[in-house]
Amino acid sequence: MLILEHVNLTVSDLDRSIDLYCRLFDYRVRWRGTLTDGRPAAHVGTDEHYLALFQAKEPGRVENDYTEVGLNHFGLVVDDLDSLQVRLRELGITPTAEQDYEPGRRVYFFDPDGIEIELIQYA
């Protein structure tokens, strides 16, 4: 069995990202501290999986380009896509795409740093 434990993201505003992911996914801060270079960092998630968030040295945004080498997006399986769509709207986030196709429904959105996330609910 292979299970993805965490995804590591460098973000422009650590506190903003902690707040977003904890409010959106009902995550909790598992760890908060500093990296060896002194930058703040945190792990937010559950006992089984988490997002490792590192504060960037400089502000910026991810360039999403599906034609270039790099991470395009990551997907999270959810139990109730409809309630997460409501929560996205409450957080001021507009989905960029919604798709219904086998074997499930999908919603895509960008976080404030331009990181694309896919939410999937399987039938």
PDB file of N, CA and C in Angstrom:
ATOM      1  N   MET A   1       0.840  -1.181   0.000  1.00  0.00           N
ATOM      2  CA  MET A   1       0.000   0.000   0.000  1.00  0.00           C
ATOM      3  C   MET A   1       0.886   1.245   0.000  1.00  0.00           C
ATOM      4  N   LEU A   2       0.474   2.216  -0.774  1.00  0.00           N
ATOM      5  CA  LEU A   2       1.191   3.480  -0.862  1.00  0.00           C
ATOM      6  C   LEU A   2       0.227   4.599  -0.471  1.00  0.00           C
ATOM      7  N   ILE A   3       0.592   5.395   0.509  1.00  0.00           N
ATOM      8  CA  ILE A   3      -0.269   6.491   0.966  1.00  0.00           C
ATOM      9  C   ILE A   3       0.542   7.775   0.965  1.00  0.00           C
ATOM     10  N   LEU A   4       0.001   8.810   0.358  1.00  0.00           N
ATOM     11  CA  LEU A   4       0.644  10.115   0.368  1.00  0.00           C
ATOM     12  C   LEU A   4       0.431  10.740   1.742  1.00  0.00           C
ATOM     13  N   GLU A   5       1.515  11.015   2.452  1.00  0.00           N
ATOM     14  CA  GLU A   5       1.420  11.550   3.805  1.00  0.00           C
ATOM     15  C   GLU A   5       1.301  13.062   3.837  1.00  0.00           C
ATOM     16  N   HIS A   6       2.099  13.763   3.019  1.00  0.00           N
ATOM     17  CA  HIS A   6       2.037  15.212   3.045  1.00  0.00           C
ATOM     18  C   HIS A   6       2.460  15.816   1.717  1.00  0.00           C
ATOM     19  N   VAL A   7       2.061  17.068   1.553  1.00  0.00           N
ATOM     20  CA  VAL A   7       2.486  17.904   0.437  1.00  0.00           C
ATOM     21  C   VAL A   7       3.136  19.126   1.063  1.00  0.00           C
ATOM     22  N   ASN A   8       4.274  19.547   0.539  1.00  0.00           N
ATOM     23  CA  ASN A   8       5.002  20.685   1.076  1.00  0.00           C
ATOM     24  C   ASN A   8       4.806  21.888   0.155  1.00  0.00           C
ATOM     25  N   LEU A   9       4.321  22.995   0.716  1.00  0.00           N
ATOM     26  CA  LEU A   9       4.056  24.207  -0.050  1.00  0.00           C
ATOM     27  C   LEU A   9       4.829  25.370   0.542  1.00  0.00           C
ATOM     28  N   THR A  10       5.466  26.150  -0.297  1.00  0.00           N
ATOM     29  CA  THR A  10       6.068  27.402   0.142  1.00  0.00           C
ATOM     30  C   THR A  10       5.052  28.493  -0.147  1.00  0.00           C
ATOM     31  N   VAL A  11       4.700  29.260   0.878  1.00  0.00           N
ATOM     32  CA  VAL A  11       3.617  30.238   0.791  1.00  0.00           C
ATOM     33  C   VAL A  11       4.127  31.632   1.121  1.00  0.00           C
ATOM     34  N   SER A  12       3.423  32.643   0.647  1.00  0.00           N
ATOM     35  CA  SER A  12       3.873  34.015   0.872  1.00  0.00           C
ATOM     36  C   SER A  12       3.459  34.565   2.233  1.00  0.00           C
ATOM     37  N   ASP A  13       2.415  34.001   2.840  1.00  0.00           N
ATOM     38  CA  ASP A  13       1.931  34.473   4.141  1.00  0.00           C
ATOM     39  C   ASP A  13       1.506  33.250   4.951  1.00  0.00           C
ATOM     40  N   LEU A  14       2.380  32.799   5.835  1.00  0.00           N
ATOM     41  CA  LEU A  14       2.140  31.568   6.580  1.00  0.00           C
ATOM     42  C   LEU A  14       0.840  31.614   7.368  1.00  0.00           C
ATOM     43  N   ASP A  15       0.602  32.698   8.091  1.00  0.00           N
ATOM     44  CA  ASP A  15      -0.615  32.793   8.904  1.00  0.00           C
ATOM     45  C   ASP A  15      -1.874  32.731   8.044  1.00  0.00           C
ATOM     46  N   ARG A  16      -1.847  33.401   6.894  1.00  0.00           N
ATOM     47  CA  ARG A  16      -3.003  33.372   5.986  1.00  0.00           C
ATOM     48  C   ARG A  16      -3.263  31.956   5.492  1.00  0.00           C
ATOM     49  N   SER A  17      -2.207  31.234   5.137  1.00  0.00           N
ATOM     50  CA  SER A  17      -2.368  29.870   4.634  1.00  0.00           C
ATOM     51  C   SER A  17      -2.836  28.919   5.731  1.00  0.00           C
ATOM     52  N   ILE A  18      -2.301  29.076   6.934  1.00  0.00           N
ATOM     53  CA  ILE A  18      -2.772  28.257   8.053  1.00  0.00           C
ATOM     54  C   ILE A  18      -4.267  28.481   8.246  1.00  0.00           C
ATOM     55  N   ASP A  19      -4.670  29.736   8.279  1.00  0.00           N
ATOM     56  CA  ASP A  19      -6.081  30.072   8.492  1.00  0.00           C
ATOM     57  C   ASP A  19      -6.954  29.478   7.386  1.00  0.00           C
ATOM     58  N   LEU A  20      -6.536  29.633   6.137  1.00  0.00           N
ATOM     59  CA  LEU A  20      -7.321  29.131   5.008  1.00  0.00           C
ATOM     60  C   LEU A  20      -7.504  27.623   5.084  1.00  0.00           C
ATOM     61  N   TYR A  21      -6.405  26.889   5.186  1.00  0.00           N
ATOM     62  CA  TYR A  21      -6.507  25.431   5.138  1.00  0.00           C
ATOM     63  C   TYR A  21      -7.188  24.859   6.374  1.00  0.00           C
ATOM     64  N   CYS A  22      -7.000  25.472   7.521  1.00  0.00           N
ATOM     65  CA  CYS A  22      -7.698  24.999   8.725  1.00  0.00           C
ATOM     66  C   CYS A  22      -9.195  25.267   8.624  1.00  0.00           C
ATOM     67  N   ARG A  23      -9.581  26.426   8.133  1.00  0.00           N
ATOM     68  CA  ARG A  23     -11.010  26.748   8.000  1.00  0.00           C
ATOM     69  C   ARG A  23     -11.666  25.945   6.884  1.00  0.00           C
ATOM     70  N   LEU A  24     -10.972  25.768   5.779  1.00  0.00           N
ATOM     71  CA  LEU A  24     -11.565  25.067   4.638  1.00  0.00           C
ATOM     72  C   LEU A  24     -11.731  23.578   4.912  1.00  0.00           C
ATOM     73  N   PHE A  25     -10.703  22.947   5.447  1.00  0.00           N
ATOM     74  CA  PHE A  25     -10.710  21.495   5.588  1.00  0.00           C
ATOM     75  C   PHE A  25     -10.877  21.002   7.029  1.00  0.00           C
ATOM     76  N   ASP A  26     -11.150  21.907   7.959  1.00  0.00           N
ATOM     77  CA  ASP A  26     -11.221  21.537   9.375  1.00  0.00           C
ATOM     78  C   ASP A  26      -9.914  20.895   9.845  1.00  0.00           C
ATOM     79  N   TYR A  27      -8.807  21.375   9.291  1.00  0.00           N
ATOM     80  CA  TYR A  27      -7.493  20.916   9.723  1.00  0.00           C
ATOM     81  C   TYR A  27      -7.128  21.597  11.036  1.00  0.00           C
ATOM     82  N   ARG A  28      -6.109  21.063  11.678  1.00  0.00           N
ATOM     83  CA  ARG A  28      -5.553  21.671  12.883  1.00  0.00           C
ATOM     84  C   ARG A  28      -4.050  21.831  12.683  1.00  0.00           C
ATOM     85  N   VAL A  29      -3.460  22.727  13.442  1.00  0.00           N
ATOM     86  CA  VAL A  29      -2.004  22.891  13.398  1.00  0.00           C
ATOM     87  C   VAL A  29      -1.396  21.722  14.169  1.00  0.00           C
ATOM     88  N   ARG A  30      -0.640  20.895  13.472  1.00  0.00           N
ATOM     89  CA  ARG A  30       0.030  19.749  14.089  1.00  0.00           C
ATOM     90  C   ARG A  30       1.374  20.140  14.672  1.00  0.00           C
ATOM     91  N   TRP A  31       2.024  21.110  14.033  1.00  0.00           N
ATOM     92  CA  TRP A  31       3.357  21.575  14.453  1.00  0.00           C
ATOM     93  C   TRP A  31       3.548  22.967  13.912  1.00  0.00           C
ATOM     94  N   ARG A  32       4.224  23.783  14.691  1.00  0.00           N
ATOM     95  CA  ARG A  32       4.608  25.119  14.224  1.00  0.00           C
ATOM     96  C   ARG A  32       5.967  25.431  14.797  1.00  0.00           C
ATOM     97  N   GLY A  33       6.857  25.936  13.967  1.00  0.00           N
ATOM     98  CA  GLY A  33       8.212  26.233  14.412  1.00  0.00           C
ATOM     99  C   GLY A  33       8.974  26.982  13.348  1.00  0.00           C
ATOM    100  N   THR A  34      10.281  26.784  13.348  1.00  0.00           N
ATOM    101  CA  THR A  34      11.129  27.453  12.358  1.00  0.00           C
ATOM    102  C   THR A  34      11.990  26.418  11.646  1.00  0.00           C
ATOM    103  N   LEU A  35      12.314  26.747  10.412  1.00  0.00           N
ATOM    104  CA  LEU A  35      13.217  25.926   9.620  1.00  0.00           C
ATOM    105  C   LEU A  35      14.652  26.206  10.034  1.00  0.00           C
ATOM    106  N   THR A  36      15.588  25.426   9.543  1.00  0.00           N
ATOM    107  CA  THR A  36      16.989  25.620   9.915  1.00  0.00           C
ATOM    108  C   THR A  36      17.514  26.989   9.491  1.00  0.00           C
ATOM    109  N   ASP A  37      16.905  27.598   8.469  1.00  0.00           N
ATOM    110  CA  ASP A  37      17.335  28.928   8.044  1.00  0.00           C
ATOM    111  C   ASP A  37      16.570  30.047   8.760  1.00  0.00           C
ATOM    112  N   GLY A  38      15.735  29.696   9.739  1.00  0.00           N
ATOM    113  CA  GLY A  38      15.027  30.686  10.539  1.00  0.00           C
ATOM    114  C   GLY A  38      13.642  31.067  10.041  1.00  0.00           C
ATOM    115  N   ARG A  39      13.252  30.581   8.861  1.00  0.00           N
ATOM    116  CA  ARG A  39      11.914  30.912   8.355  1.00  0.00           C
ATOM    117  C   ARG A  39      10.847  30.147   9.125  1.00  0.00           C
ATOM    118  N   PRO A  40       9.697  30.788   9.350  1.00  0.00           N
ATOM    119  CA  PRO A  40       8.619  30.085  10.042  1.00  0.00           C
ATOM    120  C   PRO A  40       7.989  29.010   9.151  1.00  0.00           C
ATOM    121  N   ALA A  41       7.456  27.987   9.811  1.00  0.00           N
ATOM    122  CA  ALA A  41       6.838  26.877   9.097  1.00  0.00           C
ATOM    123  C   ALA A  41       5.778  26.258   9.990  1.00  0.00           C
ATOM    124  N   ALA A  42       4.897  25.480   9.366  1.00  0.00           N
ATOM    125  CA  ALA A  42       3.854  24.788  10.121  1.00  0.00           C
ATOM    126  C   ALA A  42       3.409  23.565   9.346  1.00  0.00           C
ATOM    127  N   HIS A  43       2.854  22.617  10.074  1.00  0.00           N
ATOM    128  CA  HIS A  43       2.168  21.470   9.485  1.00  0.00           C
ATOM    129  C   HIS A  43       0.718  21.582   9.902  1.00  0.00           C
ATOM    130  N   VAL A  44      -0.199  21.573   8.922  1.00  0.00           N
ATOM    131  CA  VAL A  44      -1.631  21.603   9.217  1.00  0.00           C
ATOM    132  C   VAL A  44      -2.271  20.385   8.572  1.00  0.00           C
ATOM    133  N   GLY A  45      -3.143  19.726   9.330  1.00  0.00           N
ATOM    134  CA  GLY A  45      -3.799  18.558   8.775  1.00  0.00           C
ATOM    135  C   GLY A  45      -4.448  17.716   9.842  1.00  0.00           C
ATOM    136  N   THR A  46      -4.375  16.402   9.632  1.00  0.00           N
ATOM    137  CA  THR A  46      -4.944  15.423  10.548  1.00  0.00           C
ATOM    138  C   THR A  46      -3.814  14.545  11.062  1.00  0.00           C
ATOM    139  N   ASP A  47      -4.157  13.527  11.825  1.00  0.00           N
ATOM    140  CA  ASP A  47      -3.133  12.593  12.288  1.00  0.00           C
ATOM    141  C   ASP A  47      -2.560  11.772  11.142  1.00  0.00           C
ATOM    142  N   GLU A  48      -3.315  11.615  10.056  1.00  0.00           N
ATOM    143  CA  GLU A  48      -2.892  10.758   8.951  1.00  0.00           C
ATOM    144  C   GLU A  48      -2.173  11.497   7.824  1.00  0.00           C
ATOM    145  N   HIS A  49      -2.516  12.765   7.585  1.00  0.00           N
ATOM    146  CA  HIS A  49      -1.919  13.508   6.479  1.00  0.00           C
ATOM    147  C   HIS A  49      -1.915  15.000   6.809  1.00  0.00           C
ATOM    148  N   TYR A  50      -1.079  15.735   6.092  1.00  0.00           N
ATOM    149  CA  TYR A  50      -0.972  17.163   6.382  1.00  0.00           C
ATOM    150  C   TYR A  50      -0.362  17.923   5.213  1.00  0.00           C
ATOM    151  N   LEU A  51      -0.477  19.233   5.303  1.00  0.00           N
ATOM    152  CA  LEU A  51       0.226  20.151   4.406  1.00  0.00           C
ATOM    153  C   LEU A  51       1.363  20.765   5.203  1.00  0.00           C
ATOM    154  N   ALA A  52       2.573  20.654   4.694  1.00  0.00           N
ATOM    155  CA  ALA A  52       3.726  21.324   5.288  1.00  0.00           C
ATOM    156  C   ALA A  52       3.818  22.690   4.627  1.00  0.00           C
ATOM    157  N   LEU A  53       3.727  23.739   5.414  1.00  0.00           N
ATOM    158  CA  LEU A  53       3.730  25.103   4.895  1.00  0.00           C
ATOM    159  C   LEU A  53       4.997  25.809   5.324  1.00  0.00           C
ATOM    160  N   PHE A  54       5.766  26.309   4.361  1.00  0.00           N
ATOM    161  CA  PHE A  54       6.996  27.054   4.629  1.00  0.00           C
ATOM    162  C   PHE A  54       6.793  28.490   4.177  1.00  0.00           C
ATOM    163  N   GLN A  55       7.213  29.431   4.990  1.00  0.00           N
ATOM    164  CA  GLN A  55       7.146  30.845   4.639  1.00  0.00           C
ATOM    165  C   GLN A  55       8.207  31.148   3.584  1.00  0.00           C
ATOM    166  N   ALA A  56       7.809  31.789   2.492  1.00  0.00           N
ATOM    167  CA  ALA A  56       8.753  32.182   1.442  1.00  0.00           C
ATOM    168  C   ALA A  56       9.655  33.316   1.930  1.00  0.00           C
ATOM    169  N   LYS A  57      10.837  33.421   1.344  1.00  0.00           N
ATOM    170  CA  LYS A  57      11.740  34.529   1.668  1.00  0.00           C
ATOM    171  C   LYS A  57      11.232  35.834   1.075  1.00  0.00           C
ATOM    172  N   GLU A  58      10.581  35.751  -0.078  1.00  0.00           N
ATOM    173  CA  GLU A  58      10.057  36.919  -0.780  1.00  0.00           C
ATOM    174  C   GLU A  58       8.616  36.648  -1.190  1.00  0.00           C
ATOM    175  N   PRO A  59       7.765  37.672  -1.227  1.00  0.00           N
ATOM    176  CA  PRO A  59       6.395  37.456  -1.704  1.00  0.00           C
ATOM    177  C   PRO A  59       6.384  37.071  -3.179  1.00  0.00           C
ATOM    178  N   GLY A  60       5.312  36.435  -3.592  1.00  0.00           N
ATOM    179  CA  GLY A  60       5.195  36.043  -4.994  1.00  0.00           C
ATOM    180  C   GLY A  60       4.001  35.128  -5.187  1.00  0.00           C
ATOM    181  N   ARG A  61       3.858  34.643  -6.405  1.00  0.00           N
ATOM    182  CA  ARG A  61       2.778  33.711  -6.741  1.00  0.00           C
ATOM    183  C   ARG A  61       3.334  32.611  -7.634  1.00  0.00           C
ATOM    184  N   VAL A  62       2.696  31.466  -7.575  1.00  0.00           N
ATOM    185  CA  VAL A  62       3.052  30.339  -8.434  1.00  0.00           C
ATOM    186  C   VAL A  62       2.615  30.649  -9.857  1.00  0.00           C
ATOM    187  N   GLU A  63       3.448  30.311 -10.804  1.00  0.00           N
ATOM    188  CA  GLU A  63       3.084  30.413 -12.209  1.00  0.00           C
ATOM    189  C   GLU A  63       2.547  29.055 -12.645  1.00  0.00           C
ATOM    190  N   ASN A  64       1.261  28.965 -12.904  1.00  0.00           N
ATOM    191  CA  ASN A  64       0.664  27.707 -13.354  1.00  0.00           C
ATOM    192  C   ASN A  64       0.742  27.640 -14.871  1.00  0.00           C
ATOM    193  N   ASP A  65       1.498  26.686 -15.352  1.00  0.00           N
ATOM    194  CA  ASP A  65       1.667  26.510 -16.784  1.00  0.00           C
ATOM    195  C   ASP A  65       1.745  25.015 -17.064  1.00  0.00           C
ATOM    196  N   TYR A  66       0.656  24.464 -17.526  1.00  0.00           N
ATOM    197  CA  TYR A  66       0.596  23.033 -17.762  1.00  0.00           C
ATOM    198  C   TYR A  66       1.493  22.587 -18.917  1.00  0.00           C
ATOM    199  N   THR A  67       2.155  23.519 -19.603  1.00  0.00           N
ATOM    200  CA  THR A  67       3.060  23.140 -20.690  1.00  0.00           C
ATOM    201  C   THR A  67       4.505  23.062 -20.227  1.00  0.00           C
ATOM    202  N   GLU A  68       4.791  23.535 -19.008  1.00  0.00           N
ATOM    203  CA  GLU A  68       6.159  23.533 -18.476  1.00  0.00           C
ATOM    204  C   GLU A  68       6.293  22.492 -17.378  1.00  0.00           C
ATOM    205  N   VAL A  69       7.511  22.065 -17.121  1.00  0.00           N
ATOM    206  CA  VAL A  69       7.786  21.116 -16.048  1.00  0.00           C
ATOM    207  C   VAL A  69       7.439  21.762 -14.711  1.00  0.00           C
ATOM    208  N   GLY A  70       6.780  21.013 -13.844  1.00  0.00           N
ATOM    209  CA  GLY A  70       6.454  21.528 -12.515  1.00  0.00           C
ATOM    210  C   GLY A  70       5.183  20.885 -11.984  1.00  0.00           C
ATOM    211  N   LEU A  71       4.834  21.239 -10.793  1.00  0.00           N
ATOM    212  CA  LEU A  71       3.613  20.739 -10.165  1.00  0.00           C
ATOM    213  C   LEU A  71       2.433  21.540 -10.701  1.00  0.00           C
ATOM    214  N   ASN A  72       1.439  20.854 -11.252  1.00  0.00           N
ATOM    215  CA  ASN A  72       0.273  21.537 -11.808  1.00  0.00           C
ATOM    216  C   ASN A  72      -0.792  21.777 -10.752  1.00  0.00           C
ATOM    217  N   HIS A  73      -1.117  20.767  -9.983  1.00  0.00           N
ATOM    218  CA  HIS A  73      -2.066  20.894  -8.885  1.00  0.00           C
ATOM    219  C   HIS A  73      -1.984  19.627  -8.044  1.00  0.00           C
ATOM    220  N   PHE A  74      -2.625  19.652  -6.885  1.00  0.00           N
ATOM    221  CA  PHE A  74      -2.779  18.417  -6.134  1.00  0.00           C
ATOM    222  C   PHE A  74      -4.250  18.240  -5.825  1.00  0.00           C
ATOM    223  N   GLY A  75      -4.677  16.985  -5.697  1.00  0.00           N
ATOM    224  CA  GLY A  75      -6.079  16.671  -5.497  1.00  0.00           C
ATOM    225  C   GLY A  75      -6.318  16.037  -4.145  1.00  0.00           C
ATOM    226  N   LEU A  76      -7.449  16.392  -3.554  1.00  0.00           N
ATOM    227  CA  LEU A  76      -7.849  15.844  -2.262  1.00  0.00           C
ATOM    228  C   LEU A  76      -9.225  15.209  -2.406  1.00  0.00           C
ATOM    229  N   VAL A  77      -9.373  13.977  -1.954  1.00  0.00           N
ATOM    230  CA  VAL A  77     -10.663  13.304  -1.961  1.00  0.00           C
ATOM    231  C   VAL A  77     -11.467  13.810  -0.770  1.00  0.00           C
ATOM    232  N   VAL A  78     -12.712  14.200  -1.033  1.00  0.00           N
ATOM    233  CA  VAL A  78     -13.588  14.731   0.013  1.00  0.00           C
ATOM    234  C   VAL A  78     -14.885  13.927   0.056  1.00  0.00           C
ATOM    235  N   ASP A  79     -15.537  13.961   1.210  1.00  0.00           N
ATOM    236  CA  ASP A  79     -16.799  13.242   1.379  1.00  0.00           C
ATOM    237  C   ASP A  79     -18.005  14.049   0.920  1.00  0.00           C
ATOM    238  N   ASP A  80     -17.928  15.380   1.051  1.00  0.00           N
ATOM    239  CA  ASP A  80     -19.083  16.234   0.776  1.00  0.00           C
ATOM    240  C   ASP A  80     -18.630  17.460  -0.018  1.00  0.00           C
ATOM    241  N   LEU A  81     -18.586  17.316  -1.325  1.00  0.00           N
ATOM    242  CA  LEU A  81     -18.115  18.388  -2.200  1.00  0.00           C
ATOM    243  C   LEU A  81     -19.016  19.612  -2.121  1.00  0.00           C
ATOM    244  N   ASP A  82     -20.325  19.398  -1.992  1.00  0.00           N
ATOM    245  CA  ASP A  82     -21.256  20.524  -1.939  1.00  0.00           C
ATOM    246  C   ASP A  82     -20.966  21.430  -0.745  1.00  0.00           C
ATOM    247  N   SER A  83     -20.719  20.847   0.428  1.00  0.00           N
ATOM    248  CA  SER A  83     -20.452  21.682   1.605  1.00  0.00           C
ATOM    249  C   SER A  83     -19.116  22.406   1.472  1.00  0.00           C
ATOM    250  N   LEU A  84     -18.142  21.791   0.815  1.00  0.00           N
ATOM    251  CA  LEU A  84     -16.863  22.480   0.613  1.00  0.00           C
ATOM    252  C   LEU A  84     -16.993  23.611  -0.404  1.00  0.00           C
ATOM    253  N   GLN A  85     -17.882  23.469  -1.376  1.00  0.00           N
ATOM    254  CA  GLN A  85     -18.119  24.567  -2.316  1.00  0.00           C
ATOM    255  C   GLN A  85     -18.738  25.756  -1.581  1.00  0.00           C
ATOM    256  N   VAL A  86     -19.638  25.496  -0.655  1.00  0.00           N
ATOM    257  CA  VAL A  86     -20.217  26.570   0.161  1.00  0.00           C
ATOM    258  C   VAL A  86     -19.116  27.228   0.979  1.00  0.00           C
ATOM    259  N   ARG A  87     -18.257  26.412   1.592  1.00  0.00           N
ATOM    260  CA  ARG A  87     -17.172  26.952   2.418  1.00  0.00           C
ATOM    261  C   ARG A  87     -16.198  27.775   1.579  1.00  0.00           C
ATOM    262  N   LEU A  88     -15.914  27.324   0.354  1.00  0.00           N
ATOM    263  CA  LEU A  88     -15.056  28.112  -0.542  1.00  0.00           C
ATOM    264  C   LEU A  88     -15.645  29.498  -0.763  1.00  0.00           C
ATOM    265  N   ARG A  89     -16.944  29.560  -1.062  1.00  0.00           N
ATOM    266  CA  ARG A  89     -17.598  30.857  -1.288  1.00  0.00           C
ATOM    267  C   ARG A  89     -17.538  31.721  -0.026  1.00  0.00           C
ATOM    268  N   GLU A  90     -17.752  31.113   1.136  1.00  0.00           N
ATOM    269  CA  GLU A  90     -17.683  31.862   2.390  1.00  0.00           C
ATOM    270  C   GLU A  90     -16.292  32.439   2.627  1.00  0.00           C
ATOM    271  N   LEU A  91     -15.270  31.754   2.118  1.00  0.00           N
ATOM    272  CA  LEU A  91     -13.895  32.226   2.261  1.00  0.00           C
ATOM    273  C   LEU A  91     -13.480  33.169   1.131  1.00  0.00           C
ATOM    274  N   GLY A  92     -14.418  33.479   0.228  1.00  0.00           N
ATOM    275  CA  GLY A  92     -14.135  34.401  -0.867  1.00  0.00           C
ATOM    276  C   GLY A  92     -13.367  33.780  -2.016  1.00  0.00           C
ATOM    277  N   ILE A  93     -13.433  32.462  -2.134  1.00  0.00           N
ATOM    278  CA  ILE A  93     -12.703  31.764  -3.195  1.00  0.00           C
ATOM    279  C   ILE A  93     -13.708  31.282  -4.241  1.00  0.00           C
ATOM    280  N   THR A  94     -13.457  31.628  -5.489  1.00  0.00           N
ATOM    281  CA  THR A  94     -14.310  31.222  -6.600  1.00  0.00           C
ATOM    282  C   THR A  94     -13.659  30.049  -7.320  1.00  0.00           C
ATOM    283  N   PRO A  95     -14.348  28.919  -7.433  1.00  0.00           N
ATOM    284  CA  PRO A  95     -13.791  27.803  -8.205  1.00  0.00           C
ATOM    285  C   PRO A  95     -13.509  28.231  -9.642  1.00  0.00           C
ATOM    286  N   THR A  96     -12.460  27.655 -10.210  1.00  0.00           N
ATOM    287  CA  THR A  96     -12.100  27.970 -11.592  1.00  0.00           C
ATOM    288  C   THR A  96     -12.688  26.968 -12.568  1.00  0.00           C
ATOM    289  N   ALA A  97     -13.053  25.781 -12.065  1.00  0.00           N
ATOM    290  CA  ALA A  97     -13.658  24.756 -12.928  1.00  0.00           C
ATOM    291  C   ALA A  97     -14.420  23.776 -12.056  1.00  0.00           C
ATOM    292  N   GLU A  98     -15.512  23.268 -12.635  1.00  0.00           N
ATOM    293  CA  GLU A  98     -16.295  22.218 -11.995  1.00  0.00           C
ATOM    294  C   GLU A  98     -16.576  21.184 -13.060  1.00  0.00           C
ATOM    295  N   GLN A  99     -16.290  19.932 -12.752  1.00  0.00           N
ATOM    296  CA  GLN A  99     -16.460  18.881 -13.743  1.00  0.00           C
ATOM    297  C   GLN A  99     -17.121  17.665 -13.120  1.00  0.00           C
ATOM    298  N   ASP A 100     -18.075  17.107 -13.836  1.00  0.00           N
ATOM    299  CA  ASP A 100     -18.716  15.851 -13.453  1.00  0.00           C
ATOM    300  C   ASP A 100     -18.359  14.824 -14.507  1.00  0.00           C
ATOM    301  N   TYR A 101     -17.543  13.864 -14.134  1.00  0.00           N
ATOM    302  CA  TYR A 101     -17.236  12.767 -15.043  1.00  0.00           C
ATOM    303  C   TYR A 101     -16.794  11.564 -14.226  1.00  0.00           C
ATOM    304  N   GLU A 102     -16.931  10.408 -14.832  1.00  0.00           N
ATOM    305  CA  GLU A 102     -16.595   9.163 -14.133  1.00  0.00           C
ATOM    306  C   GLU A 102     -15.146   9.210 -13.685  1.00  0.00           C
ATOM    307  N   PRO A 103     -14.869   8.840 -12.471  1.00  0.00           N
ATOM    308  CA  PRO A 103     -15.815   8.244 -11.532  1.00  0.00           C
ATOM    309  C   PRO A 103     -16.310   9.203 -10.459  1.00  0.00           C
ATOM    310  N   GLY A 104     -16.276  10.517 -10.703  1.00  0.00           N
ATOM    311  CA  GLY A 104     -16.759  11.424  -9.666  1.00  0.00           C
ATOM    312  C   GLY A 104     -16.832  12.864 -10.111  1.00  0.00           C
ATOM    313  N   ARG A 105     -17.153  13.734  -9.155  1.00  0.00           N
ATOM    314  CA  ARG A 105     -17.251  15.182  -9.392  1.00  0.00           C
ATOM    315  C   ARG A 105     -15.978  15.850  -8.913  1.00  0.00           C
ATOM    316  N   ARG A 106     -15.616  16.962  -9.578  1.00  0.00           N
ATOM    317  CA  ARG A 106     -14.383  17.664  -9.259  1.00  0.00           C
ATOM    318  C   ARG A 106     -14.608  19.171  -9.281  1.00  0.00           C
ATOM    319  N   VAL A 107     -13.916  19.849  -8.383  1.00  0.00           N
ATOM    320  CA  VAL A 107     -13.905  21.309  -8.348  1.00  0.00           C
ATOM    321  C   VAL A 107     -12.451  21.739  -8.213  1.00  0.00           C
ATOM    322  N   TYR A 108     -12.066  22.726  -9.003  1.00  0.00           N
ATOM    323  CA  TYR A 108     -10.707  23.257  -8.963  1.00  0.00           C
ATOM    324  C   TYR A 108     -10.760  24.703  -8.464  1.00  0.00           C
ATOM    325  N   PHE A 109      -9.731  25.096  -7.702  1.00  0.00           N
ATOM    326  CA  PHE A 109      -9.605  26.477  -7.265  1.00  0.00           C
ATOM    327  C   PHE A 109      -8.139  26.786  -7.005  1.00  0.00           C
ATOM    328  N   PHE A 110      -7.847  28.081  -6.906  1.00  0.00           N
ATOM    329  CA  PHE A 110      -6.497  28.534  -6.570  1.00  0.00           C
ATOM    330  C   PHE A 110      -6.503  29.108  -5.167  1.00  0.00           C
ATOM    331  N   ASP A 111      -5.455  28.790  -4.403  1.00  0.00           N
ATOM    332  CA  ASP A 111      -5.299  29.431  -3.102  1.00  0.00           C
ATOM    333  C   ASP A 111      -4.718  30.832  -3.334  1.00  0.00           C
ATOM    334  N   PRO A 112      -4.553  31.650  -2.305  1.00  0.00           N
ATOM    335  CA  PRO A 112      -4.074  33.027  -2.511  1.00  0.00           C
ATOM    336  C   PRO A 112      -2.684  33.134  -3.145  1.00  0.00           C
ATOM    337  N   ASP A 113      -1.890  32.060  -3.104  1.00  0.00           N
ATOM    338  CA  ASP A 113      -0.560  32.075  -3.708  1.00  0.00           C
ATOM    339  C   ASP A 113      -0.552  31.519  -5.123  1.00  0.00           C
ATOM    340  N   GLY A 114      -1.736  31.202  -5.670  1.00  0.00           N
ATOM    341  CA  GLY A 114      -1.814  30.677  -7.018  1.00  0.00           C
ATOM    342  C   GLY A 114      -1.589  29.184  -7.104  1.00  0.00           C
ATOM    343  N   ILE A 115      -1.625  28.484  -5.970  1.00  0.00           N
ATOM    344  CA  ILE A 115      -1.481  27.028  -5.970  1.00  0.00           C
ATOM    345  C   ILE A 115      -2.850  26.431  -6.294  1.00  0.00           C
ATOM    346  N   GLU A 116      -2.884  25.611  -7.339  1.00  0.00           N
ATOM    347  CA  GLU A 116      -4.153  25.022  -7.756  1.00  0.00           C
ATOM    348  C   GLU A 116      -4.439  23.750  -6.967  1.00  0.00           C
ATOM    349  N   ILE A 117      -5.687  23.627  -6.520  1.00  0.00           N
ATOM    350  CA  ILE A 117      -6.122  22.472  -5.737  1.00  0.00           C
ATOM    351  C   ILE A 117      -7.381  21.911  -6.381  1.00  0.00           C
ATOM    352  N   GLU A 118      -7.452  20.602  -6.428  1.00  0.00           N
ATOM    353  CA  GLU A 118      -8.615  19.894  -6.962  1.00  0.00           C
ATOM    354  C   GLU A 118      -9.275  19.154  -5.801  1.00  0.00           C
ATOM    355  N   LEU A 119     -10.582  19.319  -5.670  1.00  0.00           N
ATOM    356  CA  LEU A 119     -11.366  18.566  -4.692  1.00  0.00           C
ATOM    357  C   LEU A 119     -12.186  17.544  -5.455  1.00  0.00           C
ATOM    358  N   ILE A 120     -12.136  16.289  -5.030  1.00  0.00           N
ATOM    359  CA  ILE A 120     -12.785  15.195  -5.742  1.00  0.00           C
ATOM    360  C   ILE A 120     -13.734  14.470  -4.802  1.00  0.00           C
ATOM    361  N   GLN A 121     -14.953  14.248  -5.269  1.00  0.00           N
ATOM    362  CA  GLN A 121     -15.886  13.384  -4.540  1.00  0.00           C
ATOM    363  C   GLN A 121     -16.249  12.236  -5.467  1.00  0.00           C
ATOM    364  N   TYR A 122     -15.881  11.030  -5.060  1.00  0.00           N
ATOM    365  CA  TYR A 122     -16.196   9.856  -5.866  1.00  0.00           C
ATOM    366  C   TYR A 122     -17.617   9.406  -5.605  1.00  0.00           C
ATOM    367  N   ALA A 123     -18.238   8.826  -6.644  1.00  0.00           N
ATOM    368  CA  ALA A 123     -19.624   8.359  -6.547  1.00  0.00           C
ATOM    369  C   ALA A 123     -19.724   7.225  -5.541  1.00  0.00           C
TER     370      ALA A 123
END
